[in-house]
Amino acid sequence: MSTTPQTTAPERPAPTSSVKLVATLGLIALFSGLLVVSVFEFTKPYIAENQRRALEAAVFRVVPGAVTRQDFVLTAQGLFPAAEAPAPGQRVFAAYDAEGNLRGIALQASARGYADVIRVLYGYDPSCQCIVGMTVLESRETPGLGDKIETDARFVANFEGLDARLNPAGTGLANAIVTVKQGDKEHPWQIDGITGATISANAIGRMLNDSADTVLPRLAPYWAMLEGGA
């Protein structure tokens, strides 16, 4: 008499406890967070040092002849060395030549361009009361068009002696800095624009005018302090 073997059904694994699942995910998230924070803290001093070097190089680019710099902060209470500023304010980078003579200052400015906010650093020489250099610190403008504000040599040449004189009362610019249509520049306070990149070029004129018109009158009483700051 033959006996038919009985097939035993495979045992199903016990369902995973939702508590264990949540705990596991929590541990993974905690580990990932700690890893991100650790990497950030490890790289932060290197990033800060790279930013410092990049900014210093930019200051020397926009203030010709400068080899050293000293940072100041312009607040509602006045102008202070950066380490002694009593409150946040406008950063002012004073730039000096090898003999310690003030060659100019560098200021940051920004305005909305075509794609996003454009941020620049520009140099101002009080001896000629003019902007003597400009470099783009941050921009997401369209490659080949908007980025001409930093690659077009003709446009960059606008900032080798851009008039930024104050009015007789010293309350603002004598003439508004403005970007004009390419080929229409007639005055030393005008910026010869870029065909095909009008919005970006106009943003440069607007930000330089707003910054210089606001900051330079406030700095006027402190030029002697800046000259002796090196």
Foldseek 3Di string as FASTA:
>chain_A
DDDDDDDDDDDDDDDDDPVVVVVVVVVVVVVVVVVVVVVCVVCVVVVVVVVVVVVVVQFCQQQDQFDDKFKWFQDPVGIGGPVPDPDHHFIKIFTAHPVLFTRWIKGKWWDAFDPGIWIKIWTAGPVLQAIQFIATPDDDDDPPALVCCHVVPLQRVLRRGQHQPCDPVLQFGPDQQFEDDAPPDDDSSYGRADPRRRRSRRRVSVGVRVCSRPPVSRCVVCPVVSRPVD
